[in-house]
Amino acid sequence: MTQIVEAIALSSEFNAKGITPYVGTAQTGSAPGLPPVAAPEKAIDSLYCALLGRHVDSALLASVRKDLVSSGFERVIRDVIDGKEYRDRFGDAKVPQVSSEKQAAIGCPQVAL
């Protein structure tokens, strides 16, 4: 199941819903060949909401932003899916799914897998 979730999170459809709205023309030092990111914090938060059902915490944001700018969304997505929190919550057999009521209560946008 984890491989399916990763494939969906790396898909152009997910990109269009959860990443592209925050990608712009403002250069933020992204690596060659990677699209510049205008609002990386919002894009990162959208990924965390979709993959973990929560907002990214401020303590982690600077590190994740650095990875995003240097390596792109693919690395950030894989880091989240390969991370301890994801494994502890969903393992290899569960789909990361948070009810729409819980997403609304925590203020996560509706970018579901």
PDB file of N, CA and C in Angstrom:
ATOM      1  N   MET A   1       0.822  -1.189   0.000  1.00  0.00           N
ATOM      2  CA  MET A   1       0.000   0.000   0.000  1.00  0.00           C
ATOM      3  C   MET A   1       0.873   1.262   0.000  1.00  0.00           C
ATOM      4  N   THR A   2       1.988   1.210   0.712  1.00  0.00           N
ATOM      5  CA  THR A   2       2.863   2.378   0.778  1.00  0.00           C
ATOM      6  C   THR A   2       3.344   2.790  -0.611  1.00  0.00           C
ATOM      7  N   GLN A   3       3.652   1.816  -1.452  1.00  0.00           N
ATOM      8  CA  GLN A   3       4.104   2.119  -2.808  1.00  0.00           C
ATOM      9  C   GLN A   3       3.000   2.780  -3.632  1.00  0.00           C
ATOM     10  N   ILE A   4       1.776   2.368  -3.407  1.00  0.00           N
ATOM     11  CA  ILE A   4       0.642   2.977  -4.112  1.00  0.00           C
ATOM     12  C   ILE A   4       0.457   4.416  -3.643  1.00  0.00           C
ATOM     13  N   VAL A   5       0.517   4.642  -2.347  1.00  0.00           N
ATOM     14  CA  VAL A   5       0.397   6.000  -1.804  1.00  0.00           C
ATOM     15  C   VAL A   5       1.502   6.880  -2.372  1.00  0.00           C
ATOM     16  N   GLU A   6       2.725   6.353  -2.415  1.00  0.00           N
ATOM     17  CA  GLU A   6       3.842   7.123  -2.969  1.00  0.00           C
ATOM     18  C   GLU A   6       3.592   7.458  -4.436  1.00  0.00           C
ATOM     19  N   ALA A   7       3.126   6.491  -5.203  1.00  0.00           N
ATOM     20  CA  ALA A   7       2.848   6.737  -6.622  1.00  0.00           C
ATOM     21  C   ALA A   7       1.789   7.824  -6.792  1.00  0.00           C
ATOM     22  N   ILE A   8       0.765   7.785  -5.976  1.00  0.00           N
ATOM     23  CA  ILE A   8      -0.285   8.812  -6.048  1.00  0.00           C
ATOM     24  C   ILE A   8       0.279  10.172  -5.648  1.00  0.00           C
ATOM     25  N   ALA A   9       1.047  10.215  -4.553  1.00  0.00           N
ATOM     26  CA  ALA A   9       1.601  11.484  -4.070  1.00  0.00           C
ATOM     27  C   ALA A   9       2.578  12.089  -5.075  1.00  0.00           C
ATOM     28  N   LEU A  10       3.215  11.257  -5.888  1.00  0.00           N
ATOM     29  CA  LEU A  10       4.157  11.740  -6.896  1.00  0.00           C
ATOM     30  C   LEU A  10       3.493  11.991  -8.248  1.00  0.00           C
ATOM     31  N   SER A  11       2.196  11.726  -8.345  1.00  0.00           N
ATOM     32  CA  SER A  11       1.480  11.848  -9.618  1.00  0.00           C
ATOM     33  C   SER A  11       1.217  13.301 -10.004  1.00  0.00           C
ATOM     34  N   SER A  12       0.977  13.488 -11.292  1.00  0.00           N
ATOM     35  CA  SER A  12       0.667  14.835 -11.785  1.00  0.00           C
ATOM     36  C   SER A  12      -0.676  15.331 -11.235  1.00  0.00           C
ATOM     37  N   GLU A  13      -1.615  14.418 -10.977  1.00  0.00           N
ATOM     38  CA  GLU A  13      -2.912  14.813 -10.435  1.00  0.00           C
ATOM     39  C   GLU A  13      -2.761  15.366  -9.017  1.00  0.00           C
ATOM     40  N   PHE A  14      -1.990  14.659  -8.176  1.00  0.00           N
ATOM     41  CA  PHE A  14      -1.764  15.147  -6.824  1.00  0.00           C
ATOM     42  C   PHE A  14      -0.979  16.451  -6.875  1.00  0.00           C
ATOM     43  N   ASN A  15      -0.001  16.511  -7.758  1.00  0.00           N
ATOM     44  CA  ASN A  15       0.800  17.717  -7.929  1.00  0.00           C
ATOM     45  C   ASN A  15      -0.100  18.908  -8.248  1.00  0.00           C
ATOM     46  N   ALA A  16      -1.068  18.700  -9.142  1.00  0.00           N
ATOM     47  CA  ALA A  16      -1.967  19.775  -9.547  1.00  0.00           C
ATOM     48  C   ALA A  16      -2.840  20.265  -8.393  1.00  0.00           C
ATOM     49  N   LYS A  17      -3.208  19.357  -7.478  1.00  0.00           N
ATOM     50  CA  LYS A  17      -4.080  19.728  -6.360  1.00  0.00           C
ATOM     51  C   LYS A  17      -3.310  20.253  -5.152  1.00  0.00           C
ATOM     52  N   GLY A  18      -2.145  19.675  -4.873  1.00  0.00           N
ATOM     53  CA  GLY A  18      -1.466  19.987  -3.621  1.00  0.00           C
ATOM     54  C   GLY A  18      -0.188  20.765  -3.720  1.00  0.00           C
ATOM     55  N   ILE A  19       0.378  20.856  -4.932  1.00  0.00           N
ATOM     56  CA  ILE A  19       1.666  21.525  -5.073  1.00  0.00           C
ATOM     57  C   ILE A  19       1.592  22.710  -6.024  1.00  0.00           C
ATOM     58  N   THR A  20       1.084  22.486  -7.225  1.00  0.00           N
ATOM     59  CA  THR A  20       1.061  23.519  -8.257  1.00  0.00           C
ATOM     60  C   THR A  20       0.432  24.836  -7.796  1.00  0.00           C
ATOM     61  N   PRO A  21      -0.619  24.827  -6.983  1.00  0.00           N
ATOM     62  CA  PRO A  21      -1.170  26.119  -6.559  1.00  0.00           C
ATOM     63  C   PRO A  21      -0.163  27.008  -5.831  1.00  0.00           C
ATOM     64  N   TYR A  22       0.900  26.421  -5.319  1.00  0.00           N
ATOM     65  CA  TYR A  22       1.888  27.180  -4.557  1.00  0.00           C
ATOM     66  C   TYR A  22       3.192  27.385  -5.313  1.00  0.00           C
ATOM     67  N   VAL A  23       3.281  26.875  -6.545  1.00  0.00           N
ATOM     68  CA  VAL A  23       4.483  27.041  -7.356  1.00  0.00           C
ATOM     69  C   VAL A  23       4.276  28.259  -8.235  1.00  0.00           C
ATOM     70  N   GLY A  24       5.279  29.109  -8.249  1.00  0.00           N
ATOM     71  CA  GLY A  24       5.171  30.332  -9.039  1.00  0.00           C
ATOM     72  C   GLY A  24       6.443  30.626  -9.789  1.00  0.00           C
ATOM     73  N   THR A  25       6.590  31.853 -10.151  1.00  0.00           N
ATOM     74  CA  THR A  25       7.759  32.249 -10.927  1.00  0.00           C
ATOM     75  C   THR A  25       8.844  32.865 -10.071  1.00  0.00           C
ATOM     76  N   ALA A  26       8.575  33.138  -8.820  1.00  0.00           N
ATOM     77  CA  ALA A  26       9.578  33.732  -7.941  1.00  0.00           C
ATOM     78  C   ALA A  26      10.641  32.697  -7.607  1.00  0.00           C
ATOM     79  N   GLN A  27      11.890  32.999  -7.901  1.00  0.00           N
ATOM     80  CA  GLN A  27      12.981  32.068  -7.641  1.00  0.00           C
ATOM     81  C   GLN A  27      13.341  32.100  -6.160  1.00  0.00           C
ATOM     82  N   THR A  28      13.454  30.931  -5.551  1.00  0.00           N
ATOM     83  CA  THR A  28      13.820  30.861  -4.134  1.00  0.00           C
ATOM     84  C   THR A  28      15.073  30.022  -3.945  1.00  0.00           C
ATOM     85  N   GLY A  29      15.900  29.947  -4.982  1.00  0.00           N
ATOM     86  CA  GLY A  29      17.139  29.196  -4.869  1.00  0.00           C
ATOM     87  C   GLY A  29      16.979  27.725  -5.148  1.00  0.00           C
ATOM     88  N   SER A  30      15.963  27.350  -5.887  1.00  0.00           N
ATOM     89  CA  SER A  30      15.769  25.928  -6.157  1.00  0.00           C
ATOM     90  C   SER A  30      16.884  25.402  -7.049  1.00  0.00           C
ATOM     91  N   ALA A  31      17.111  24.119  -6.953  1.00  0.00           N
ATOM     92  CA  ALA A  31      18.172  23.471  -7.714  1.00  0.00           C
ATOM     93  C   ALA A  31      17.861  23.530  -9.206  1.00  0.00           C
ATOM     94  N   PRO A  32      18.900  23.466 -10.049  1.00  0.00           N
ATOM     95  CA  PRO A  32      18.670  23.474 -11.495  1.00  0.00           C
ATOM     96  C   PRO A  32      17.723  22.345 -11.905  1.00  0.00           C
ATOM     97  N   GLY A  33      16.807  22.661 -12.791  1.00  0.00           N
ATOM     98  CA  GLY A  33      15.865  21.666 -13.271  1.00  0.00           C
ATOM     99  C   GLY A  33      14.633  21.499 -12.399  1.00  0.00           C
ATOM    100  N   LEU A  34      14.598  22.154 -11.246  1.00  0.00           N
ATOM    101  CA  LEU A  34      13.432  22.079 -10.365  1.00  0.00           C
ATOM    102  C   LEU A  34      12.640  23.367 -10.489  1.00  0.00           C
ATOM    103  N   PRO A  35      11.317  23.278 -10.429  1.00  0.00           N
ATOM    104  CA  PRO A  35      10.521  24.495 -10.559  1.00  0.00           C
ATOM    105  C   PRO A  35      10.731  25.408  -9.359  1.00  0.00           C
ATOM    106  N   PRO A  36      10.772  26.717  -9.594  1.00  0.00           N
ATOM    107  CA  PRO A  36      10.884  27.643  -8.468  1.00  0.00           C
ATOM    108  C   PRO A  36       9.621  27.585  -7.617  1.00  0.00           C
ATOM    109  N   VAL A  37       9.761  27.833  -6.347  1.00  0.00           N
ATOM    110  CA  VAL A  37       8.636  27.744  -5.431  1.00  0.00           C
ATOM    111  C   VAL A  37       8.359  29.121  -4.847  1.00  0.00           C
ATOM    112  N   ALA A  38       7.131  29.606  -5.044  1.00  0.00           N
ATOM    113  CA  ALA A  38       6.766  30.927  -4.557  1.00  0.00           C
ATOM    114  C   ALA A  38       6.338  30.881  -3.096  1.00  0.00           C
ATOM    115  N   ALA A  39       5.659  29.832  -2.691  1.00  0.00           N
ATOM    116  CA  ALA A  39       5.149  29.722  -1.320  1.00  0.00           C
ATOM    117  C   ALA A  39       5.467  28.332  -0.776  1.00  0.00           C
ATOM    118  N   PRO A  40       6.741  28.049  -0.526  1.00  0.00           N
ATOM    119  CA  PRO A  40       7.096  26.685  -0.127  1.00  0.00           C
ATOM    120  C   PRO A  40       6.451  26.231   1.174  1.00  0.00           C
ATOM    121  N   GLU A  41       6.264  27.141   2.112  1.00  0.00           N
ATOM    122  CA  GLU A  41       5.666  26.749   3.387  1.00  0.00           C
ATOM    123  C   GLU A  41       4.250  26.238   3.191  1.00  0.00           C
ATOM    124  N   LYS A  42       3.490  26.870   2.326  1.00  0.00           N
ATOM    125  CA  LYS A  42       2.116  26.428   2.058  1.00  0.00           C
ATOM    126  C   LYS A  42       2.105  25.086   1.343  1.00  0.00           C
ATOM    127  N   ALA A  43       3.031  24.897   0.403  1.00  0.00           N
ATOM    128  CA  ALA A  43       3.107  23.624  -0.315  1.00  0.00           C
ATOM    129  C   ALA A  43       3.501  22.498   0.636  1.00  0.00           C
ATOM    130  N   ILE A  44       4.465  22.747   1.504  1.00  0.00           N
ATOM    131  CA  ILE A  44       4.901  21.747   2.489  1.00  0.00           C
ATOM    132  C   ILE A  44       3.745  21.408   3.420  1.00  0.00           C
ATOM    133  N   ASP A  45       3.045  22.420   3.889  1.00  0.00           N
ATOM    134  CA  ASP A  45       1.921  22.191   4.786  1.00  0.00           C
ATOM    135  C   ASP A  45       0.834  21.368   4.097  1.00  0.00           C
ATOM    136  N   SER A  46       0.592  21.651   2.833  1.00  0.00           N
ATOM    137  CA  SER A  46      -0.395  20.891   2.069  1.00  0.00           C
ATOM    138  C   SER A  46       0.004  19.421   1.975  1.00  0.00           C
ATOM    139  N   LEU A  47       1.297  19.167   1.752  1.00  0.00           N
ATOM    140  CA  LEU A  47       1.782  17.786   1.704  1.00  0.00           C
ATOM    141  C   LEU A  47       1.588  17.079   3.036  1.00  0.00           C
ATOM    142  N   TYR A  48       1.933  17.747   4.127  1.00  0.00           N
ATOM    143  CA  TYR A  48       1.777  17.145   5.448  1.00  0.00           C
ATOM    144  C   TYR A  48       0.306  16.878   5.755  1.00  0.00           C
ATOM    145  N   CYS A  49      -0.566  17.801   5.378  1.00  0.00           N
ATOM    146  CA  CYS A  49      -1.996  17.571   5.593  1.00  0.00           C
ATOM    147  C   CYS A  49      -2.471  16.345   4.821  1.00  0.00           C
ATOM    148  N   ALA A  50      -2.042  16.210   3.573  1.00  0.00           N
ATOM    149  CA  ALA A  50      -2.488  15.083   2.747  1.00  0.00           C
ATOM    150  C   ALA A  50      -1.878  13.762   3.194  1.00  0.00           C
ATOM    151  N   LEU A  51      -0.599  13.777   3.571  1.00  0.00           N
ATOM    152  CA  LEU A  51       0.082  12.516   3.876  1.00  0.00           C
ATOM    153  C   LEU A  51       0.018  12.116   5.342  1.00  0.00           C
ATOM    154  N   LEU A  52      -0.079  13.091   6.239  1.00  0.00           N
ATOM    155  CA  LEU A  52      -0.090  12.770   7.668  1.00  0.00           C
ATOM    156  C   LEU A  52      -1.350  13.246   8.391  1.00  0.00           C
ATOM    157  N   GLY A  53      -2.185  14.023   7.708  1.00  0.00           N
ATOM    158  CA  GLY A  53      -3.412  14.502   8.334  1.00  0.00           C
ATOM    159  C   GLY A  53      -3.188  15.569   9.387  1.00  0.00           C
ATOM    160  N   ARG A  54      -2.077  16.299   9.254  1.00  0.00           N
ATOM    161  CA  ARG A  54      -1.780  17.372  10.209  1.00  0.00           C
ATOM    162  C   ARG A  54      -0.923  18.424   9.521  1.00  0.00           C
ATOM    163  N   HIS A  55      -0.840  19.584  10.161  1.00  0.00           N
ATOM    164  CA  HIS A  55       0.039  20.639   9.664  1.00  0.00           C
ATOM    165  C   HIS A  55       1.486  20.293   9.996  1.00  0.00           C
ATOM    166  N   VAL A  56       2.398  20.795   9.181  1.00  0.00           N
ATOM    167  CA  VAL A  56       3.822  20.645   9.488  1.00  0.00           C
ATOM    168  C   VAL A  56       4.127  21.515  10.703  1.00  0.00           C
ATOM    169  N   ASP A  57       4.922  20.994  11.638  1.00  0.00           N
ATOM    170  CA  ASP A  57       5.232  21.814  12.804  1.00  0.00           C
ATOM    171  C   ASP A  57       6.380  22.757  12.493  1.00  0.00           C
ATOM    172  N   SER A  58       6.375  23.899  13.162  1.00  0.00           N
ATOM    173  CA  SER A  58       7.339  24.952  12.877  1.00  0.00           C
ATOM    174  C   SER A  58       8.777  24.514  13.116  1.00  0.00           C
ATOM    175  N   ALA A  59       9.000  23.605  14.046  1.00  0.00           N
ATOM    176  CA  ALA A  59      10.358  23.129  14.327  1.00  0.00           C
ATOM    177  C   ALA A  59      10.933  22.376  13.135  1.00  0.00           C
ATOM    178  N   LEU A  60      10.102  21.712  12.372  1.00  0.00           N
ATOM    179  CA  LEU A  60      10.532  20.911  11.236  1.00  0.00           C
ATOM    180  C   LEU A  60      10.526  21.691   9.927  1.00  0.00           C
ATOM    181  N   LEU A  61       9.774  22.764   9.870  1.00  0.00           N
ATOM    182  CA  LEU A  61       9.546  23.483   8.623  1.00  0.00           C
ATOM    183  C   LEU A  61      10.836  23.950   7.951  1.00  0.00           C
ATOM    184  N   ALA A  62      11.777  24.514   8.687  1.00  0.00           N
ATOM    185  CA  ALA A  62      13.017  25.033   8.084  1.00  0.00           C
ATOM    186  C   ALA A  62      13.806  23.919   7.408  1.00  0.00           C
ATOM    187  N   SER A  63      13.883  22.770   8.049  1.00  0.00           N
ATOM    188  CA  SER A  63      14.616  21.634   7.487  1.00  0.00           C
ATOM    189  C   SER A  63      13.928  21.113   6.229  1.00  0.00           C
ATOM    190  N   VAL A  64      12.615  20.980   6.276  1.00  0.00           N
ATOM    191  CA  VAL A  64      11.866  20.481   5.127  1.00  0.00           C
ATOM    192  C   VAL A  64      11.955  21.481   3.974  1.00  0.00           C
ATOM    193  N   ARG A  65      11.879  22.772   4.293  1.00  0.00           N
ATOM    194  CA  ARG A  65      11.983  23.816   3.254  1.00  0.00           C
ATOM    195  C   ARG A  65      13.345  23.732   2.566  1.00  0.00           C
ATOM    196  N   LYS A  66      14.396  23.518   3.334  1.00  0.00           N
ATOM    197  CA  LYS A  66      15.741  23.393   2.769  1.00  0.00           C
ATOM    198  C   LYS A  66      15.800  22.198   1.807  1.00  0.00           C
ATOM    199  N   ASP A  67      15.235  21.063   2.220  1.00  0.00           N
ATOM    200  CA  ASP A  67      15.196  19.882   1.354  1.00  0.00           C
ATOM    201  C   ASP A  67      14.394  20.163   0.084  1.00  0.00           C
ATOM    202  N   LEU A  68      13.279  20.863   0.240  1.00  0.00           N
ATOM    203  CA  LEU A  68      12.432  21.192  -0.902  1.00  0.00           C
ATOM    204  C   LEU A  68      13.190  22.042  -1.906  1.00  0.00           C
ATOM    205  N   VAL A  69      13.839  23.087  -1.434  1.00  0.00           N
ATOM    206  CA  VAL A  69      14.539  24.008  -2.323  1.00  0.00           C
ATOM    207  C   VAL A  69      15.725  23.320  -2.997  1.00  0.00           C
ATOM    208  N   SER A  70      16.427  22.464  -2.251  1.00  0.00           N
ATOM    209  CA  SER A  70      17.620  21.835  -2.818  1.00  0.00           C
ATOM    210  C   SER A  70      17.305  20.585  -3.646  1.00  0.00           C
ATOM    211  N   SER A  71      16.262  19.852  -3.280  1.00  0.00           N
ATOM    212  CA  SER A  71      16.031  18.555  -3.924  1.00  0.00           C
ATOM    213  C   SER A  71      14.655  18.388  -4.552  1.00  0.00           C
ATOM    214  N   GLY A  72      13.705  19.242  -4.231  1.00  0.00           N
ATOM    215  CA  GLY A  72      12.390  19.168  -4.843  1.00  0.00           C
ATOM    216  C   GLY A  72      11.359  18.405  -4.036  1.00  0.00           C
ATOM    217  N   PHE A  73      10.122  18.454  -4.523  1.00  0.00           N
ATOM    218  CA  PHE A  73       8.995  17.845  -3.827  1.00  0.00           C
ATOM    219  C   PHE A  73       9.113  16.339  -3.738  1.00  0.00           C
ATOM    220  N   GLU A  74       9.698  15.709  -4.748  1.00  0.00           N
ATOM    221  CA  GLU A  74       9.813  14.256  -4.734  1.00  0.00           C
ATOM    222  C   GLU A  74      10.547  13.783  -3.480  1.00  0.00           C
ATOM    223  N   ARG A  75      11.628  14.445  -3.148  1.00  0.00           N
ATOM    224  CA  ARG A  75      12.373  14.050  -1.944  1.00  0.00           C
ATOM    225  C   ARG A  75      11.540  14.278  -0.686  1.00  0.00           C
ATOM    226  N   VAL A  76      10.874  15.406  -0.605  1.00  0.00           N
ATOM    227  CA  VAL A  76      10.057  15.706   0.574  1.00  0.00           C
ATOM    228  C   VAL A  76       8.960  14.657   0.726  1.00  0.00           C
ATOM    229  N   ILE A  77       8.292  14.321  -0.356  1.00  0.00           N
ATOM    230  CA  ILE A  77       7.234  13.310  -0.316  1.00  0.00           C
ATOM    231  C   ILE A  77       7.795  11.974   0.146  1.00  0.00           C
ATOM    232  N   ARG A  78       8.903  11.570  -0.438  1.00  0.00           N
ATOM    233  CA  ARG A  78       9.507  10.285  -0.046  1.00  0.00           C
ATOM    234  C   ARG A  78       9.982  10.300   1.395  1.00  0.00           C
ATOM    235  N   ASP A  79      10.525  11.438   1.857  1.00  0.00           N
ATOM    236  CA  ASP A  79      10.969  11.540   3.254  1.00  0.00           C
ATOM    237  C   ASP A  79       9.794  11.376   4.222  1.00  0.00           C
ATOM    238  N   VAL A  80       8.657  11.982   3.881  1.00  0.00           N
ATOM    239  CA  VAL A  80       7.473  11.855   4.750  1.00  0.00           C
ATOM    240  C   VAL A  80       6.993  10.403   4.760  1.00  0.00           C
ATOM    241  N   ILE A  81       6.862   9.802   3.587  1.00  0.00           N
ATOM    242  CA  ILE A  81       6.357   8.435   3.498  1.00  0.00           C
ATOM    243  C   ILE A  81       7.327   7.439   4.133  1.00  0.00           C
ATOM    244  N   ASP A  82       8.610   7.694   4.045  1.00  0.00           N
ATOM    245  CA  ASP A  82       9.614   6.808   4.642  1.00  0.00           C
ATOM    246  C   ASP A  82       9.862   7.108   6.113  1.00  0.00           C
ATOM    247  N   GLY A  83       9.230   8.152   6.630  1.00  0.00           N
ATOM    248  CA  GLY A  83       9.480   8.598   8.003  1.00  0.00           C
ATOM    249  C   GLY A  83       8.799   7.750   9.070  1.00  0.00           C
ATOM    250  N   LYS A  84       9.295   7.893  10.268  1.00  0.00           N
ATOM    251  CA  LYS A  84       8.799   7.145  11.427  1.00  0.00           C
ATOM    252  C   LYS A  84       7.324   7.423  11.707  1.00  0.00           C
ATOM    253  N   GLU A  85       6.918   8.686  11.649  1.00  0.00           N
ATOM    254  CA  GLU A  85       5.517   9.019  11.949  1.00  0.00           C
ATOM    255  C   GLU A  85       4.566   8.323  10.971  1.00  0.00           C
ATOM    256  N   TYR A  86       4.898   8.345   9.702  1.00  0.00           N
ATOM    257  CA  TYR A  86       4.054   7.687   8.703  1.00  0.00           C
ATOM    258  C   TYR A  86       3.989   6.189   8.980  1.00  0.00           C
ATOM    259  N   ARG A  87       5.144   5.567   9.202  1.00  0.00           N
ATOM    260  CA  ARG A  87       5.188   4.115   9.475  1.00  0.00           C
ATOM    261  C   ARG A  87       4.403   3.771  10.737  1.00  0.00           C
ATOM    262  N   ASP A  88       4.570   4.571  11.799  1.00  0.00           N
ATOM    263  CA  ASP A  88       3.867   4.303  13.052  1.00  0.00           C
ATOM    264  C   ASP A  88       2.351   4.435  12.894  1.00  0.00           C
ATOM    265  N   ARG A  89       1.910   5.400  12.120  1.00  0.00           N
ATOM    266  CA  ARG A  89       0.479   5.651  11.982  1.00  0.00           C
ATOM    267  C   ARG A  89      -0.191   4.758  10.950  1.00  0.00           C
ATOM    268  N   PHE A  90       0.532   4.485   9.840  1.00  0.00           N
ATOM    269  CA  PHE A  90      -0.124   3.801   8.730  1.00  0.00           C
ATOM    270  C   PHE A  90       0.542   2.481   8.346  1.00  0.00           C
ATOM    271  N   GLY A  91       1.783   2.266   8.738  1.00  0.00           N
ATOM    272  CA  GLY A  91       2.483   1.040   8.371  1.00  0.00           C
ATOM    273  C   GLY A  91       2.582   0.888   6.866  1.00  0.00           C
ATOM    274  N   ASP A  92       2.628  -0.345   6.415  1.00  0.00           N
ATOM    275  CA  ASP A  92       2.709  -0.612   4.979  1.00  0.00           C
ATOM    276  C   ASP A  92       1.355  -0.967   4.380  1.00  0.00           C
ATOM    277  N   ALA A  93       0.337  -1.113   5.228  1.00  0.00           N
ATOM    278  CA  ALA A  93      -0.932  -1.632   4.739  1.00  0.00           C
ATOM    279  C   ALA A  93      -2.081  -0.626   4.762  1.00  0.00           C
ATOM    280  N   LYS A  94      -1.916   0.512   5.424  1.00  0.00           N
ATOM    281  CA  LYS A  94      -3.018   1.470   5.532  1.00  0.00           C
ATOM    282  C   LYS A  94      -2.806   2.667   4.615  1.00  0.00           C
ATOM    283  N   VAL A  95      -3.913   3.220   4.177  1.00  0.00           N
ATOM    284  CA  VAL A  95      -3.909   4.445   3.383  1.00  0.00           C
ATOM    285  C   VAL A  95      -4.045   5.612   4.356  1.00  0.00           C
ATOM    286  N   PRO A  96      -3.206   6.642   4.201  1.00  0.00           N
ATOM    287  CA  PRO A  96      -3.366   7.801   5.081  1.00  0.00           C
ATOM    288  C   PRO A  96      -4.699   8.482   4.803  1.00  0.00           C
ATOM    289  N   GLN A  97      -5.602   8.334   5.740  1.00  0.00           N
ATOM    290  CA  GLN A  97      -6.946   8.862   5.547  1.00  0.00           C
ATOM    291  C   GLN A  97      -7.389   9.528   6.834  1.00  0.00           C
ATOM    292  N   VAL A  98      -7.758  10.768   6.706  1.00  0.00           N
ATOM    293  CA  VAL A  98      -8.271  11.521   7.835  1.00  0.00           C
ATOM    294  C   VAL A  98      -9.669  11.970   7.453  1.00  0.00           C
ATOM    295  N   SER A  99     -10.596  11.815   8.350  1.00  0.00           N
ATOM    296  CA  SER A  99     -11.975  12.191   8.035  1.00  0.00           C
ATOM    297  C   SER A  99     -12.051  13.679   7.692  1.00  0.00           C
ATOM    298  N   SER A 100     -13.011  14.034   6.865  1.00  0.00           N
ATOM    299  CA  SER A 100     -13.169  15.434   6.478  1.00  0.00           C
ATOM    300  C   SER A 100     -13.487  16.308   7.684  1.00  0.00           C
ATOM    301  N   GLU A 101     -14.186  15.736   8.683  1.00  0.00           N
ATOM    302  CA  GLU A 101     -14.485  16.494   9.900  1.00  0.00           C
ATOM    303  C   GLU A 101     -13.203  16.804  10.670  1.00  0.00           C
ATOM    304  N   LYS A 102     -12.317  15.804  10.782  1.00  0.00           N
ATOM    305  CA  LYS A 102     -11.062  16.019  11.497  1.00  0.00           C
ATOM    306  C   LYS A 102     -10.177  17.000  10.730  1.00  0.00           C
ATOM    307  N   GLN A 103     -10.128  16.871   9.390  1.00  0.00           N
ATOM    308  CA  GLN A 103      -9.346  17.815   8.599  1.00  0.00           C
ATOM    309  C   GLN A 103      -9.857  19.230   8.799  1.00  0.00           C
ATOM    310  N   ALA A 104     -11.158  19.396   8.803  1.00  0.00           N
ATOM    311  CA  ALA A 104     -11.735  20.726   9.015  1.00  0.00           C
ATOM    312  C   ALA A 104     -11.407  21.230  10.410  1.00  0.00           C
ATOM    313  N   ALA A 105     -11.456  20.347  11.400  1.00  0.00           N
ATOM    314  CA  ALA A 105     -11.182  20.765  12.776  1.00  0.00           C
ATOM    315  C   ALA A 105      -9.734  21.210  12.959  1.00  0.00           C
ATOM    316  N   ILE A 106      -8.801  20.573  12.273  1.00  0.00           N
ATOM    317  CA  ILE A 106      -7.400  20.978  12.399  1.00  0.00           C
ATOM    318  C   ILE A 106      -7.008  22.002  11.354  1.00  0.00           C
ATOM    319  N   GLY A 107      -7.899  22.287  10.426  1.00  0.00           N
ATOM    320  CA  GLY A 107      -7.665  23.335   9.432  1.00  0.00           C
ATOM    321  C   GLY A 107      -6.832  22.903   8.256  1.00  0.00           C
ATOM    322  N   CYS A 108      -6.767  21.622   7.974  1.00  0.00           N
ATOM    323  CA  CYS A 108      -6.036  21.145   6.803  1.00  0.00           C
ATOM    324  C   CYS A 108      -6.897  21.325   5.556  1.00  0.00           C
ATOM    325  N   PRO A 109      -6.268  21.769   4.453  1.00  0.00           N
ATOM    326  CA  PRO A 109      -7.039  21.855   3.218  1.00  0.00           C
ATOM    327  C   PRO A 109      -7.427  20.473   2.744  1.00  0.00           C
ATOM    328  N   GLN A 110      -8.428  20.398   1.908  1.00  0.00           N
ATOM    329  CA  GLN A 110      -8.922  19.117   1.409  1.00  0.00           C
ATOM    330  C   GLN A 110      -8.085  18.630   0.221  1.00  0.00           C
ATOM    331  N   VAL A 111      -6.861  18.253   0.467  1.00  0.00           N
ATOM    332  CA  VAL A 111      -6.014  17.650  -0.555  1.00  0.00           C
ATOM    333  C   VAL A 111      -5.820  16.208  -0.116  1.00  0.00           C
ATOM    334  N   ALA A 112      -6.747  15.373  -0.520  1.00  0.00           N
ATOM    335  CA  ALA A 112      -6.702  13.977  -0.109  1.00  0.00           C
ATOM    336  C   ALA A 112      -6.095  13.125  -1.193  1.00  0.00           C
ATOM    337  N   LEU A 113      -5.582  11.985  -0.788  1.00  0.00           N
ATOM    338  CA  LEU A 113      -5.025  11.039  -1.757  1.00  0.00           C
ATOM    339  C   LEU A 113      -6.144  10.292  -2.437  1.00  0.00           C
TER     340      LEU A 113
END
